[in-house]
Amino acid sequence: MTAEQQTKLIEAAKDLIGTPYRYGVKPEEAPRFFDCSLFVQYLFKTYADTILPRSTIEQAEFITKTVPNTDALQPGDIIFLHGTRGHYNKTFPEGIGHAVIYIGNNEVIHASSRRVQKQPIIEEGQVRINILQDVIDRSGPITTIRRIAN
């Protein structure tokens, strides 16, 4: 991702603050609604010319450049967290349940939610900015950090 794409992506993400969260939202519903993986998919497709898979775990597998730790974070990096309702596979047996985009200054932007009903699943939330550590505390440990290569 170029520096220009990085800037546009983060500016566009910030313009989406307050957009409602919808569990299992369909791609054609963006940018009116997001879940965490569609938020990432939409921004990277629209502002970084990168087509990503739909789910968080598939996105983490698809992006091959790994960032070693939070000290090496750059704006535009995608942080995948374990989460409480994650998806699991052989690559990520610990699971991935949430994705956020690092925007600098120890902050991330993401489609955040909380479950208010189990069956049928109902979640409430919106796109927001949070301190990275607060998201880690809430969503679980970091599973992997990925970067779209230039």
C-alpha atoms as a PDB file:
ATOM      1  CA  MET A   1       0.000   0.000   0.000  1.00  0.00           C
ATOM      2  CA  THR A   2       1.419   3.379  -0.960  1.00  0.00           C
ATOM      3  CA  ALA A   3       1.633   6.282   1.471  1.00  0.00           C
ATOM      4  CA  GLU A   4      -1.098   8.047  -0.523  1.00  0.00           C
ATOM      5  CA  GLN A   5      -3.393   5.004  -0.278  1.00  0.00           C
ATOM      6  CA  GLN A   6      -2.634   4.713   3.421  1.00  0.00           C
ATOM      7  CA  THR A   7      -3.640   8.334   4.018  1.00  0.00           C
ATOM      8  CA  LYS A   8      -6.822   8.027   1.949  1.00  0.00           C
ATOM      9  CA  LEU A   9      -7.807   4.778   3.654  1.00  0.00           C
ATOM     10  CA  ILE A  10      -7.434   6.222   7.153  1.00  0.00           C
ATOM     11  CA  GLU A  11      -9.226   9.463   6.254  1.00  0.00           C
ATOM     12  CA  ALA A  12     -12.082   7.460   4.706  1.00  0.00           C
ATOM     13  CA  ALA A  13     -12.243   5.193   7.750  1.00  0.00           C
ATOM     14  CA  LYS A  14     -12.548   8.225  10.028  1.00  0.00           C
ATOM     15  CA  ASP A  15     -15.346   9.588   7.820  1.00  0.00           C
ATOM     16  CA  LEU A  16     -17.257   6.374   8.576  1.00  0.00           C
ATOM     17  CA  ILE A  17     -17.199   6.847  12.372  1.00  0.00           C
ATOM     18  CA  GLY A  18     -20.691   6.289  13.707  1.00  0.00           C
ATOM     19  CA  THR A  19     -21.768   3.980  10.859  1.00  0.00           C
ATOM     20  CA  PRO A  20     -23.995   1.293  12.437  1.00  0.00           C
ATOM     21  CA  TYR A  21     -22.771  -2.236  13.043  1.00  0.00           C
ATOM     22  CA  ARG A  22     -24.803  -5.121  11.644  1.00  0.00           C
ATOM     23  CA  TYR A  23     -23.942  -8.743  12.398  1.00  0.00           C
ATOM     24  CA  GLY A  24     -23.311 -10.748   9.219  1.00  0.00           C
ATOM     25  CA  VAL A  25     -23.861  -7.748   6.975  1.00  0.00           C
ATOM     26  CA  LYS A  26     -23.691  -8.371   3.240  1.00  0.00           C
ATOM     27  CA  PRO A  27     -21.073  -6.571   1.116  1.00  0.00           C
ATOM     28  CA  GLU A  28     -23.752  -4.758  -0.880  1.00  0.00           C
ATOM     29  CA  GLU A  29     -24.924  -3.096   2.366  1.00  0.00           C
ATOM     30  CA  ALA A  30     -21.625  -1.221   2.769  1.00  0.00           C
ATOM     31  CA  PRO A  31     -21.091   1.618   3.495  1.00  0.00           C
ATOM     32  CA  ARG A  32     -24.489   1.877   5.240  1.00  0.00           C
ATOM     33  CA  PHE A  33     -23.628  -0.939   7.704  1.00  0.00           C
ATOM     34  CA  PHE A  34     -20.484  -2.848   8.693  1.00  0.00           C
ATOM     35  CA  ASP A  35     -19.219  -5.723  10.740  1.00  0.00           C
ATOM     36  CA  CYS A  36     -15.490  -5.788  11.507  1.00  0.00           C
ATOM     37  CA  SER A  37     -14.405  -7.866   8.513  1.00  0.00           C
ATOM     38  CA  LEU A  38     -16.559  -6.014   5.979  1.00  0.00           C
ATOM     39  CA  PHE A  39     -15.194  -2.708   7.305  1.00  0.00           C
ATOM     40  CA  VAL A  40     -11.639  -3.920   6.564  1.00  0.00           C
ATOM     41  CA  GLN A  41     -12.619  -5.460   3.228  1.00  0.00           C
ATOM     42  CA  TYR A  42     -14.498  -2.342   2.063  1.00  0.00           C
ATOM     43  CA  LEU A  43     -11.729   0.113   2.951  1.00  0.00           C
ATOM     44  CA  PHE A  44      -8.915  -1.878   1.386  1.00  0.00           C
ATOM     45  CA  LYS A  45     -10.890  -2.543  -1.801  1.00  0.00           C
ATOM     46  CA  THR A  46     -12.016   1.064  -2.159  1.00  0.00           C
ATOM     47  CA  TYR A  47      -8.867   2.925  -1.075  1.00  0.00           C
ATOM     48  CA  ALA A  48      -5.932   0.510  -1.509  1.00  0.00           C
ATOM     49  CA  ASP A  49      -6.966  -1.469  -4.609  1.00  0.00           C
ATOM     50  CA  THR A  50      -6.736  -4.685  -2.592  1.00  0.00           C
ATOM     51  CA  ILE A  51      -9.416  -7.368  -2.778  1.00  0.00           C
ATOM     52  CA  LEU A  52      -9.591  -9.217   0.548  1.00  0.00           C
ATOM     53  CA  PRO A  53     -11.699 -12.242   1.501  1.00  0.00           C
ATOM     54  CA  ARG A  54     -14.865 -11.629   3.504  1.00  0.00           C
ATOM     55  CA  SER A  55     -14.056 -13.217   6.893  1.00  0.00           C
ATOM     56  CA  THR A  56     -11.382 -12.148   9.386  1.00  0.00           C
ATOM     57  CA  ILE A  57      -9.601 -15.497   9.424  1.00  0.00           C
ATOM     58  CA  GLU A  58      -9.495 -15.645   5.616  1.00  0.00           C
ATOM     59  CA  GLN A  59      -8.186 -12.066   5.506  1.00  0.00           C
ATOM     60  CA  ALA A  60      -5.386 -12.976   7.936  1.00  0.00           C
ATOM     61  CA  GLU A  61      -4.445 -15.981   5.779  1.00  0.00           C
ATOM     62  CA  PHE A  62      -4.596 -13.989   2.528  1.00  0.00           C
ATOM     63  CA  ILE A  63      -2.291 -11.155   3.673  1.00  0.00           C
ATOM     64  CA  THR A  64       1.141 -12.748   3.876  1.00  0.00           C
ATOM     65  CA  LYS A  65       3.283  -9.909   5.273  1.00  0.00           C
ATOM     66  CA  THR A  66       3.430 -10.323   9.057  1.00  0.00           C
ATOM     67  CA  VAL A  67       4.260  -7.485  11.445  1.00  0.00           C
ATOM     68  CA  PRO A  68       6.341  -8.921  14.315  1.00  0.00           C
ATOM     69  CA  ASN A  69       4.823  -6.954  17.212  1.00  0.00           C
ATOM     70  CA  THR A  70       2.996  -3.777  18.204  1.00  0.00           C
ATOM     71  CA  ASP A  71       6.273  -1.823  18.354  1.00  0.00           C
ATOM     72  CA  ALA A  72       6.531  -2.204  14.555  1.00  0.00           C
ATOM     73  CA  LEU A  73       2.973  -1.045  13.782  1.00  0.00           C
ATOM     74  CA  GLN A  74       2.369   1.396  10.945  1.00  0.00           C
ATOM     75  CA  PRO A  75      -0.894   3.126  10.047  1.00  0.00           C
ATOM     76  CA  GLY A  76      -2.941   0.817   7.838  1.00  0.00           C
ATOM     77  CA  ASP A  77      -1.768  -2.404   9.489  1.00  0.00           C
ATOM     78  CA  ILE A  78      -4.563  -4.847  10.317  1.00  0.00           C
ATOM     79  CA  ILE A  79      -4.562  -6.343  13.795  1.00  0.00           C
ATOM     80  CA  PHE A  80      -6.421  -9.636  14.146  1.00  0.00           C
ATOM     81  CA  LEU A  81      -7.551 -10.538  17.652  1.00  0.00           C
ATOM     82  CA  HIS A  82      -8.649 -13.805  19.199  1.00  0.00           C
ATOM     83  CA  GLY A  83     -12.071 -12.519  20.247  1.00  0.00           C
ATOM     84  CA  THR A  84     -14.702 -14.423  22.151  1.00  0.00           C
ATOM     85  CA  ARG A  85     -16.587 -15.762  19.116  1.00  0.00           C
ATOM     86  CA  GLY A  86     -13.736 -16.515  16.756  1.00  0.00           C
ATOM     87  CA  HIS A  87     -13.231 -18.729  13.767  1.00  0.00           C
ATOM     88  CA  TYR A  88     -10.560 -21.441  13.900  1.00  0.00           C
ATOM     89  CA  ASN A  89      -8.471 -23.330  11.350  1.00  0.00           C
ATOM     90  CA  LYS A  90      -5.080 -25.047  11.037  1.00  0.00           C
ATOM     91  CA  THR A  91      -3.265 -21.757  10.368  1.00  0.00           C
ATOM     92  CA  PHE A  92      -4.875 -20.014  13.352  1.00  0.00           C
ATOM     93  CA  PRO A  93      -5.883 -22.729  15.849  1.00  0.00           C
ATOM     94  CA  GLU A  94      -6.177 -20.055  18.559  1.00  0.00           C
ATOM     95  CA  GLY A  95      -8.866 -18.406  16.445  1.00  0.00           C
ATOM     96  CA  ILE A  96      -9.614 -14.964  15.089  1.00  0.00           C
ATOM     97  CA  GLY A  97     -12.749 -13.138  16.111  1.00  0.00           C
ATOM     98  CA  HIS A  98     -12.095  -9.470  15.440  1.00  0.00           C
ATOM     99  CA  ALA A  99     -10.097  -7.189  13.125  1.00  0.00           C
ATOM    100  CA  VAL A 100      -9.079  -3.564  13.589  1.00  0.00           C
ATOM    101  CA  ILE A 101      -7.031  -1.111  11.523  1.00  0.00           C
ATOM    102  CA  TYR A 102      -4.150   0.712  13.170  1.00  0.00           C
ATOM    103  CA  ILE A 103      -4.322   4.480  12.542  1.00  0.00           C
ATOM    104  CA  GLY A 104      -1.294   5.649  14.548  1.00  0.00           C
ATOM    105  CA  ASN A 105      -0.824   7.137  18.011  1.00  0.00           C
ATOM    106  CA  ASN A 106      -1.761   3.794  19.659  1.00  0.00           C
ATOM    107  CA  GLU A 107      -5.260   4.057  18.178  1.00  0.00           C
ATOM    108  CA  VAL A 108      -7.303   1.713  16.018  1.00  0.00           C
ATOM    109  CA  ILE A 109     -10.507   2.116  14.063  1.00  0.00           C
ATOM    110  CA  HIS A 110     -12.998  -0.713  13.747  1.00  0.00           C
ATOM    111  CA  ALA A 111     -16.627  -1.762  13.524  1.00  0.00           C
ATOM    112  CA  SER A 112     -17.189  -2.498  17.180  1.00  0.00           C
ATOM    113  CA  SER A 113     -20.120  -4.332  18.697  1.00  0.00           C
ATOM    114  CA  ARG A 114     -21.541  -6.024  21.733  1.00  0.00           C
ATOM    115  CA  ARG A 115     -23.926  -8.966  21.677  1.00  0.00           C
ATOM    116  CA  VAL A 116     -27.295  -8.152  23.220  1.00  0.00           C
ATOM    117  CA  GLN A 117     -29.093 -11.389  22.305  1.00  0.00           C
ATOM    118  CA  LYS A 118     -27.817 -14.918  21.573  1.00  0.00           C
ATOM    119  CA  GLN A 119     -30.660 -16.422  19.478  1.00  0.00           C
ATOM    120  CA  PRO A 120     -31.296 -14.952  17.050  1.00  0.00           C
ATOM    121  CA  ILE A 121     -27.968 -13.160  17.217  1.00  0.00           C
ATOM    122  CA  ILE A 122     -28.382  -9.440  17.764  1.00  0.00           C
ATOM    123  CA  GLU A 123     -25.405  -7.139  18.161  1.00  0.00           C
ATOM    124  CA  GLU A 124     -25.258  -3.388  18.580  1.00  0.00           C
ATOM    125  CA  GLY A 125     -22.397  -1.091  17.742  1.00  0.00           C
ATOM    126  CA  GLN A 126     -20.785   1.254  15.280  1.00  0.00           C
ATOM    127  CA  VAL A 127     -17.528   2.254  13.657  1.00  0.00           C
ATOM    128  CA  ARG A 128     -15.348   3.910  16.267  1.00  0.00           C
ATOM    129  CA  ILE A 129     -11.806   4.752  17.298  1.00  0.00           C
ATOM    130  CA  ASN A 130     -10.351   3.144  20.411  1.00  0.00           C
ATOM    131  CA  ILE A 131      -6.998   2.892  22.125  1.00  0.00           C
ATOM    132  CA  LEU A 132      -5.336  -0.342  20.953  1.00  0.00           C
ATOM    133  CA  GLN A 133      -4.778  -1.670  24.480  1.00  0.00           C
ATOM    134  CA  ASP A 134      -8.460  -1.142  25.340  1.00  0.00           C
ATOM    135  CA  VAL A 135      -9.449  -3.266  22.326  1.00  0.00           C
ATOM    136  CA  ILE A 136      -6.950  -5.963  23.303  1.00  0.00           C
ATOM    137  CA  ASP A 137      -8.337  -5.965  26.853  1.00  0.00           C
ATOM    138  CA  ARG A 138     -11.900  -6.294  25.544  1.00  0.00           C
ATOM    139  CA  SER A 139     -11.479  -8.611  22.551  1.00  0.00           C
ATOM    140  CA  GLY A 140      -8.664 -10.869  23.639  1.00  0.00           C
ATOM    141  CA  PRO A 141      -5.032 -11.236  22.690  1.00  0.00           C
ATOM    142  CA  ILE A 142      -3.590 -10.409  19.298  1.00  0.00           C
ATOM    143  CA  THR A 143      -3.485 -13.451  17.036  1.00  0.00           C
ATOM    144  CA  THR A 144      -1.510 -11.828  14.214  1.00  0.00           C
ATOM    145  CA  ILE A 145      -0.736  -8.442  12.680  1.00  0.00           C
ATOM    146  CA  ARG A 146      -0.671  -8.150   8.886  1.00  0.00           C
ATOM    147  CA  ARG A 147       0.439  -5.470   6.427  1.00  0.00           C
ATOM    148  CA  ILE A 148      -0.546  -4.990   2.805  1.00  0.00           C
ATOM    149  CA  ALA A 149       2.789  -4.970   0.969  1.00  0.00           C
ATOM    150  CA  ASN A 150       3.737  -2.118  -1.352  1.00  0.00           C
END
